[in-house]
Amino acid sequence: MRICFHLTLVGLALGGTACFAASSVVRADARSGRLIRTVPAPADSVTRSNVHEAIAETSRRHDVDPLLVQSMISVESAYDPFAISPKGAQGLMQLIPSTARRFGVDDAFNPAQNIEGGVKYLKHLLTLYAGDTRLALAAYNAGEGAVAKYRGKIPPYAETQNYVYQVGKRLGEARRTAEAPVKKEAPRTDGYSRIVKSVAADGSVFYRTER
């Protein structure tokens, strides 16, 4: 049996339909300790830079901090678009099927759709909890019912509390990095002014010197 997924990012054509065998691998995520089942990605899978572009565009449309979305994806799936949790959560933002349907996601393994659905859900939660990021994260992980059960507090579940902590930690690191002053390059004395890095659409990195 083979499964075909059509991978499309916002405004980007990513090489058509990718087909691969319907096999999976279960592993423990080194950061969260959660068991993650992954489907092997095809050779022409999307790159992280393209995923970041989709995050930025989707976050802008829904007025959500893209650094928060990046931090969630890092904890949820480690940027694996084919990740499947033991509870059936799928893709980059680990949408369970009912949540995917609720927010209009037809293919949770399509990165653009997954990010769109995940950001919509996050926006809903941030609105529901008056901008309280910690409660929104707790509900994203454990469900709105769990937060309501504990009267607007983070549920006392080890997984949920660790999830809120890990996302918050990565968000803090990302914000500090974004706010750090840019260091000026020292003048070169070898005839070249600087080394320029560029990233191709397939994720390949190239360096060139400029005078």
C-alpha atoms as a PDB file:
ATOM      1  CA  MET A   1       0.000   0.000   0.000  1.00  0.00           C
ATOM      2  CA  ARG A   2       1.264   3.473  -0.817  1.00  0.00           C
ATOM      3  CA  ILE A   3       0.007   6.872   0.249  1.00  0.00           C
ATOM      4  CA  CYS A   4       0.390  10.079  -1.753  1.00  0.00           C
ATOM      5  CA  PHE A   5       0.454  13.482  -0.134  1.00  0.00           C
ATOM      6  CA  HIS A   6       0.358  16.736  -2.104  1.00  0.00           C
ATOM      7  CA  LEU A   7       2.629  19.181  -0.275  1.00  0.00           C
ATOM      8  CA  THR A   8       1.911  22.867  -0.823  1.00  0.00           C
ATOM      9  CA  LEU A   9       3.044  25.886   1.178  1.00  0.00           C
ATOM     10  CA  VAL A  10       1.476  29.330   1.047  1.00  0.00           C
ATOM     11  CA  GLY A  11       2.415  30.803  -2.287  1.00  0.00           C
ATOM     12  CA  LEU A  12       5.034  28.102  -2.923  1.00  0.00           C
ATOM     13  CA  ALA A  13       5.055  25.164  -5.308  1.00  0.00           C
ATOM     14  CA  LEU A  14       7.075  22.391  -3.736  1.00  0.00           C
ATOM     15  CA  GLY A  15       7.549  19.835  -6.432  1.00  0.00           C
ATOM     16  CA  GLY A  16       4.132  18.214  -6.848  1.00  0.00           C
ATOM     17  CA  THR A  17       2.922  15.005  -5.243  1.00  0.00           C
ATOM     18  CA  ALA A  18       5.204  12.961  -3.018  1.00  0.00           C
ATOM     19  CA  CYS A  19       4.592   9.210  -2.699  1.00  0.00           C
ATOM     20  CA  PHE A  20       6.089   6.877  -0.126  1.00  0.00           C
ATOM     21  CA  ALA A  21       5.437   3.599   1.582  1.00  0.00           C
ATOM     22  CA  ALA A  22       2.894   3.659   4.400  1.00  0.00           C
ATOM     23  CA  SER A  23       5.346   2.637   7.155  1.00  0.00           C
ATOM     24  CA  SER A  24       6.075   4.411  10.412  1.00  0.00           C
ATOM     25  CA  VAL A  25       8.625   4.507  13.234  1.00  0.00           C
ATOM     26  CA  VAL A  26       7.893   5.084  16.929  1.00  0.00           C
ATOM     27  CA  ARG A  27      10.550   6.964  18.896  1.00  0.00           C
ATOM     28  CA  ALA A  28      10.845   8.957  22.108  1.00  0.00           C
ATOM     29  CA  ASP A  29      11.380  12.666  21.551  1.00  0.00           C
ATOM     30  CA  ALA A  30      14.657  13.650  23.241  1.00  0.00           C
ATOM     31  CA  ARG A  31      13.259  16.975  24.450  1.00  0.00           C
ATOM     32  CA  SER A  32       9.743  16.213  25.660  1.00  0.00           C
ATOM     33  CA  GLY A  33       9.991  12.478  26.340  1.00  0.00           C
ATOM     34  CA  ARG A  34       6.768  11.914  24.380  1.00  0.00           C
ATOM     35  CA  LEU A  35       6.470   8.947  22.047  1.00  0.00           C
ATOM     36  CA  ILE A  36       6.274  10.141  18.440  1.00  0.00           C
ATOM     37  CA  ARG A  37       5.386   7.975  15.458  1.00  0.00           C
ATOM     38  CA  THR A  38       6.737   9.345  12.194  1.00  0.00           C
ATOM     39  CA  VAL A  39       6.083   8.530   8.569  1.00  0.00           C
ATOM     40  CA  PRO A  40       9.296   8.709   6.495  1.00  0.00           C
ATOM     41  CA  ALA A  41       9.382  11.923   4.494  1.00  0.00           C
ATOM     42  CA  PRO A  42       9.968  11.894   0.734  1.00  0.00           C
ATOM     43  CA  ALA A  43      13.247  13.208  -0.667  1.00  0.00           C
ATOM     44  CA  ASP A  44      11.620  16.437  -1.880  1.00  0.00           C
ATOM     45  CA  SER A  45      10.130  17.245   1.527  1.00  0.00           C
ATOM     46  CA  VAL A  46       9.681  20.866   2.552  1.00  0.00           C
ATOM     47  CA  THR A  47      12.562  22.733   4.166  1.00  0.00           C
ATOM     48  CA  ARG A  48      12.474  24.418   7.553  1.00  0.00           C
ATOM     49  CA  SER A  49      13.046  27.805   5.919  1.00  0.00           C
ATOM     50  CA  ASN A  50       9.885  27.330   3.849  1.00  0.00           C
ATOM     51  CA  VAL A  51       7.968  26.266   6.951  1.00  0.00           C
ATOM     52  CA  HIS A  52       9.139  29.453   8.703  1.00  0.00           C
ATOM     53  CA  GLU A  53       7.852  31.499   5.766  1.00  0.00           C
ATOM     54  CA  ALA A  54       4.452  29.826   6.097  1.00  0.00           C
ATOM     55  CA  ILE A  55       4.467  30.421   9.864  1.00  0.00           C
ATOM     56  CA  ALA A  56       5.250  34.111   9.382  1.00  0.00           C
ATOM     57  CA  GLU A  57       2.525  34.608   6.766  1.00  0.00           C
ATOM     58  CA  THR A  58      -0.149  32.661   8.648  1.00  0.00           C
ATOM     59  CA  SER A  59       0.690  34.291  11.991  1.00  0.00           C
ATOM     60  CA  ARG A  60       0.455  37.738  10.420  1.00  0.00           C
ATOM     61  CA  ARG A  61      -3.019  37.047   9.028  1.00  0.00           C
ATOM     62  CA  HIS A  62      -4.313  35.804  12.377  1.00  0.00           C
ATOM     63  CA  ASP A  63      -2.433  38.333  14.530  1.00  0.00           C
ATOM     64  CA  VAL A  64      -0.452  35.727  16.464  1.00  0.00           C
ATOM     65  CA  ASP A  65       3.206  35.935  17.517  1.00  0.00           C
ATOM     66  CA  PRO A  66       5.155  33.815  14.984  1.00  0.00           C
ATOM     67  CA  LEU A  67       7.833  33.113  17.601  1.00  0.00           C
ATOM     68  CA  LEU A  68       5.148  31.473  19.752  1.00  0.00           C
ATOM     69  CA  VAL A  69       4.076  29.288  16.828  1.00  0.00           C
ATOM     70  CA  GLN A  70       7.687  28.336  16.095  1.00  0.00           C
ATOM     71  CA  SER A  71       8.217  27.420  19.750  1.00  0.00           C
ATOM     72  CA  MET A  72       5.081  25.269  19.772  1.00  0.00           C
ATOM     73  CA  ILE A  73       6.100  23.409  16.617  1.00  0.00           C
ATOM     74  CA  SER A  74       9.566  22.814  18.058  1.00  0.00           C
ATOM     75  CA  VAL A  75       8.044  21.118  21.110  1.00  0.00           C
ATOM     76  CA  GLU A  76       5.090  19.470  19.351  1.00  0.00           C
ATOM     77  CA  SER A  77       6.844  17.780  16.441  1.00  0.00           C
ATOM     78  CA  ALA A  78      10.469  19.018  16.244  1.00  0.00           C
ATOM     79  CA  TYR A  79       9.486  20.323  12.782  1.00  0.00           C
ATOM     80  CA  ASP A  80       8.595  16.859  11.469  1.00  0.00           C
ATOM     81  CA  PRO A  81       5.576  17.392   9.143  1.00  0.00           C
ATOM     82  CA  PHE A  82       4.791  13.661   9.255  1.00  0.00           C
ATOM     83  CA  ALA A  83       4.881  13.216  13.047  1.00  0.00           C
ATOM     84  CA  ILE A  84       2.057  11.169  14.592  1.00  0.00           C
ATOM     85  CA  SER A  85       1.639  10.932  18.368  1.00  0.00           C
ATOM     86  CA  PRO A  86       0.365   7.791  20.137  1.00  0.00           C
ATOM     87  CA  LYS A  87      -2.931   9.673  20.652  1.00  0.00           C
ATOM     88  CA  GLY A  88      -3.290  10.293  16.918  1.00  0.00           C
ATOM     89  CA  ALA A  89      -2.188  13.954  16.772  1.00  0.00           C
ATOM     90  CA  GLN A  90      -0.724  14.698  13.367  1.00  0.00           C
ATOM     91  CA  GLY A  91       1.756  16.946  11.600  1.00  0.00           C
ATOM     92  CA  LEU A  92       3.760  19.999  12.563  1.00  0.00           C
ATOM     93  CA  MET A  93       1.330  21.376  15.163  1.00  0.00           C
ATOM     94  CA  GLN A  94       0.045  17.931  16.212  1.00  0.00           C
ATOM     95  CA  LEU A  95      -3.624  18.388  15.389  1.00  0.00           C
ATOM     96  CA  ILE A  96      -5.967  15.643  16.489  1.00  0.00           C
ATOM     97  CA  PRO A  97      -8.497  14.740  13.759  1.00  0.00           C
ATOM     98  CA  SER A  98     -11.438  16.442  15.495  1.00  0.00           C
ATOM     99  CA  THR A  99      -9.496  19.700  15.886  1.00  0.00           C
ATOM    100  CA  ALA A 100      -8.306  19.487  12.296  1.00  0.00           C
ATOM    101  CA  ARG A 101     -11.900  19.179  11.075  1.00  0.00           C
ATOM    102  CA  ARG A 102     -13.036  21.958  13.420  1.00  0.00           C
ATOM    103  CA  PHE A 103     -10.624  24.386  11.795  1.00  0.00           C
ATOM    104  CA  GLY A 104     -10.985  23.284   8.189  1.00  0.00           C
ATOM    105  CA  VAL A 105      -7.913  21.081   7.756  1.00  0.00           C
ATOM    106  CA  ASP A 106      -8.402  18.369   5.142  1.00  0.00           C
ATOM    107  CA  ASP A 107      -4.831  17.027   5.178  1.00  0.00           C
ATOM    108  CA  ALA A 108      -2.988  17.387   8.492  1.00  0.00           C
ATOM    109  CA  PHE A 109       0.253  16.271   6.829  1.00  0.00           C
ATOM    110  CA  ASN A 110       0.150  19.233   4.468  1.00  0.00           C
ATOM    111  CA  PRO A 111       2.385  21.776   6.264  1.00  0.00           C
ATOM    112  CA  ALA A 112       0.441  24.837   5.110  1.00  0.00           C
ATOM    113  CA  GLN A 113      -2.922  23.375   6.146  1.00  0.00           C
ATOM    114  CA  ASN A 114      -1.543  22.118   9.444  1.00  0.00           C
ATOM    115  CA  ILE A 115      -0.055  25.507  10.326  1.00  0.00           C
ATOM    116  CA  GLU A 116      -3.261  27.266   9.260  1.00  0.00           C
ATOM    117  CA  GLY A 117      -5.407  25.028  11.455  1.00  0.00           C
ATOM    118  CA  GLY A 118      -3.010  25.146  14.393  1.00  0.00           C
ATOM    119  CA  VAL A 119      -2.693  28.934  14.319  1.00  0.00           C
ATOM    120  CA  LYS A 120      -6.483  29.323  14.031  1.00  0.00           C
ATOM    121  CA  TYR A 121      -6.918  27.111  17.091  1.00  0.00           C
ATOM    122  CA  LEU A 122      -4.212  29.002  18.984  1.00  0.00           C
ATOM    123  CA  LYS A 123      -5.870  32.327  18.114  1.00  0.00           C
ATOM    124  CA  HIS A 124      -9.200  30.974  19.351  1.00  0.00           C
ATOM    125  CA  LEU A 125      -7.616  29.944  22.654  1.00  0.00           C
ATOM    126  CA  LEU A 126      -5.781  33.234  23.129  1.00  0.00           C
ATOM    127  CA  THR A 127      -9.077  35.055  22.598  1.00  0.00           C
ATOM    128  CA  LEU A 128     -10.919  32.671  24.921  1.00  0.00           C
ATOM    129  CA  TYR A 129      -8.398  33.220  27.730  1.00  0.00           C
ATOM    130  CA  ALA A 130      -7.995  36.979  27.201  1.00  0.00           C
ATOM    131  CA  GLY A 131      -4.458  36.726  25.870  1.00  0.00           C
ATOM    132  CA  ASP A 132      -3.153  34.449  28.652  1.00  0.00           C
ATOM    133  CA  THR A 133      -0.507  32.498  26.736  1.00  0.00           C
ATOM    134  CA  ARG A 134       0.035  29.908  29.467  1.00  0.00           C
ATOM    135  CA  LEU A 135      -3.648  28.993  29.655  1.00  0.00           C
ATOM    136  CA  ALA A 136      -3.890  28.914  25.859  1.00  0.00           C
ATOM    137  CA  LEU A 137      -0.950  26.502  25.734  1.00  0.00           C
ATOM    138  CA  ALA A 138      -2.450  24.359  28.494  1.00  0.00           C
ATOM    139  CA  ALA A 139      -5.733  24.112  26.592  1.00  0.00           C
ATOM    140  CA  TYR A 140      -3.903  23.379  23.330  1.00  0.00           C
ATOM    141  CA  ASN A 141      -2.226  20.419  25.019  1.00  0.00           C
ATOM    142  CA  ALA A 142      -4.920  19.122  27.383  1.00  0.00           C
ATOM    143  CA  GLY A 143      -8.110  20.555  25.887  1.00  0.00           C
ATOM    144  CA  GLU A 144     -10.423  23.395  26.807  1.00  0.00           C
ATOM    145  CA  GLY A 145     -12.457  21.086  29.012  1.00  0.00           C
ATOM    146  CA  ALA A 146      -9.448  20.315  31.196  1.00  0.00           C
ATOM    147  CA  VAL A 147      -8.775  24.017  31.800  1.00  0.00           C
ATOM    148  CA  ALA A 148     -12.452  24.571  32.604  1.00  0.00           C
ATOM    149  CA  LYS A 149     -12.410  21.594  35.006  1.00  0.00           C
ATOM    150  CA  TYR A 150      -9.633  23.231  37.001  1.00  0.00           C
ATOM    151  CA  ARG A 151     -11.385  26.602  36.941  1.00  0.00           C
ATOM    152  CA  GLY A 152      -9.082  28.487  34.622  1.00  0.00           C
ATOM    153  CA  LYS A 153      -5.815  27.068  35.921  1.00  0.00           C
ATOM    154  CA  ILE A 154      -3.184  24.936  34.237  1.00  0.00           C
ATOM    155  CA  PRO A 155      -4.295  21.314  34.796  1.00  0.00           C
ATOM    156  CA  PRO A 156      -2.049  19.353  37.193  1.00  0.00           C
ATOM    157  CA  TYR A 157      -0.992  16.935  34.463  1.00  0.00           C
ATOM    158  CA  ALA A 158       2.772  16.372  34.202  1.00  0.00           C
ATOM    159  CA  GLU A 159       2.684  16.370  30.389  1.00  0.00           C
ATOM    160  CA  THR A 160       0.672  19.598  30.213  1.00  0.00           C
ATOM    161  CA  GLN A 161       2.776  21.427  32.777  1.00  0.00           C
ATOM    162  CA  ASN A 162       5.976  20.323  31.042  1.00  0.00           C
ATOM    163  CA  TYR A 163       4.538  21.386  27.682  1.00  0.00           C
ATOM    164  CA  VAL A 164       3.718  24.881  28.936  1.00  0.00           C
ATOM    165  CA  TYR A 165       7.196  25.152  30.477  1.00  0.00           C
ATOM    166  CA  GLN A 166       9.042  23.905  27.376  1.00  0.00           C
ATOM    167  CA  VAL A 167       7.161  26.169  24.959  1.00  0.00           C
ATOM    168  CA  GLY A 168       7.618  29.138  27.290  1.00  0.00           C
ATOM    169  CA  LYS A 169      11.334  28.427  27.586  1.00  0.00           C
ATOM    170  CA  ARG A 170      11.798  28.294  23.809  1.00  0.00           C
ATOM    171  CA  LEU A 171       9.678  31.403  23.342  1.00  0.00           C
ATOM    172  CA  GLY A 172      11.813  33.317  25.818  1.00  0.00           C
ATOM    173  CA  GLU A 173      15.002  32.206  24.074  1.00  0.00           C
ATOM    174  CA  ALA A 174      13.602  33.140  20.659  1.00  0.00           C
ATOM    175  CA  ARG A 175      12.558  36.604  21.844  1.00  0.00           C
ATOM    176  CA  ARG A 176      15.956  37.263  23.431  1.00  0.00           C
ATOM    177  CA  THR A 177      17.667  36.240  20.209  1.00  0.00           C
ATOM    178  CA  ALA A 178      15.357  38.459  18.143  1.00  0.00           C
ATOM    179  CA  GLU A 179      16.004  41.438  20.414  1.00  0.00           C
ATOM    180  CA  ALA A 180      19.780  40.989  20.612  1.00  0.00           C
ATOM    181  CA  PRO A 181      21.745  43.803  18.925  1.00  0.00           C
ATOM    182  CA  VAL A 182      23.359  42.927  15.616  1.00  0.00           C
ATOM    183  CA  LYS A 183      27.135  42.872  15.857  1.00  0.00           C
ATOM    184  CA  LYS A 184      28.938  44.936  13.260  1.00  0.00           C
ATOM    185  CA  GLU A 185      31.476  43.110  11.122  1.00  0.00           C
ATOM    186  CA  ALA A 186      35.075  44.157  11.532  1.00  0.00           C
ATOM    187  CA  PRO A 187      36.691  45.642   8.392  1.00  0.00           C
ATOM    188  CA  ARG A 188      38.488  43.041   6.293  1.00  0.00           C
ATOM    189  CA  THR A 189      42.055  43.535   5.134  1.00  0.00           C
ATOM    190  CA  ASP A 190      42.305  40.769   2.526  1.00  0.00           C
ATOM    191  CA  GLY A 191      40.568  42.610  -0.313  1.00  0.00           C
ATOM    192  CA  TYR A 192      37.099  41.245   0.440  1.00  0.00           C
ATOM    193  CA  SER A 193      34.500  43.075   2.520  1.00  0.00           C
ATOM    194  CA  ARG A 194      32.370  40.147   3.711  1.00  0.00           C
ATOM    195  CA  ILE A 195      31.143  36.582   3.250  1.00  0.00           C
ATOM    196  CA  VAL A 196      27.508  36.336   2.119  1.00  0.00           C
ATOM    197  CA  LYS A 197      25.352  33.313   2.972  1.00  0.00           C
ATOM    198  CA  SER A 198      22.381  32.339   0.806  1.00  0.00           C
ATOM    199  CA  VAL A 199      19.845  29.498   1.102  1.00  0.00           C
ATOM    200  CA  ALA A 200      18.352  27.846  -1.977  1.00  0.00           C
ATOM    201  CA  ALA A 201      14.727  26.735  -2.203  1.00  0.00           C
ATOM    202  CA  ASP A 202      15.721  23.144  -1.413  1.00  0.00           C
ATOM    203  CA  GLY A 203      17.503  24.187   1.757  1.00  0.00           C
ATOM    204  CA  SER A 204      21.038  24.058   0.328  1.00  0.00           C
ATOM    205  CA  VAL A 205      23.385  26.657   1.816  1.00  0.00           C
ATOM    206  CA  PHE A 206      25.906  28.603  -0.311  1.00  0.00           C
ATOM    207  CA  TYR A 207      28.599  31.085   0.641  1.00  0.00           C
ATOM    208  CA  ARG A 208      30.236  33.712  -1.538  1.00  0.00           C
ATOM    209  CA  THR A 209      32.611  36.581  -0.958  1.00  0.00           C
ATOM    210  CA  GLU A 210      31.891  40.174  -1.942  1.00  0.00           C
ATOM    211  CA  ARG A 211      34.359  43.001  -2.326  1.00  0.00           C
END
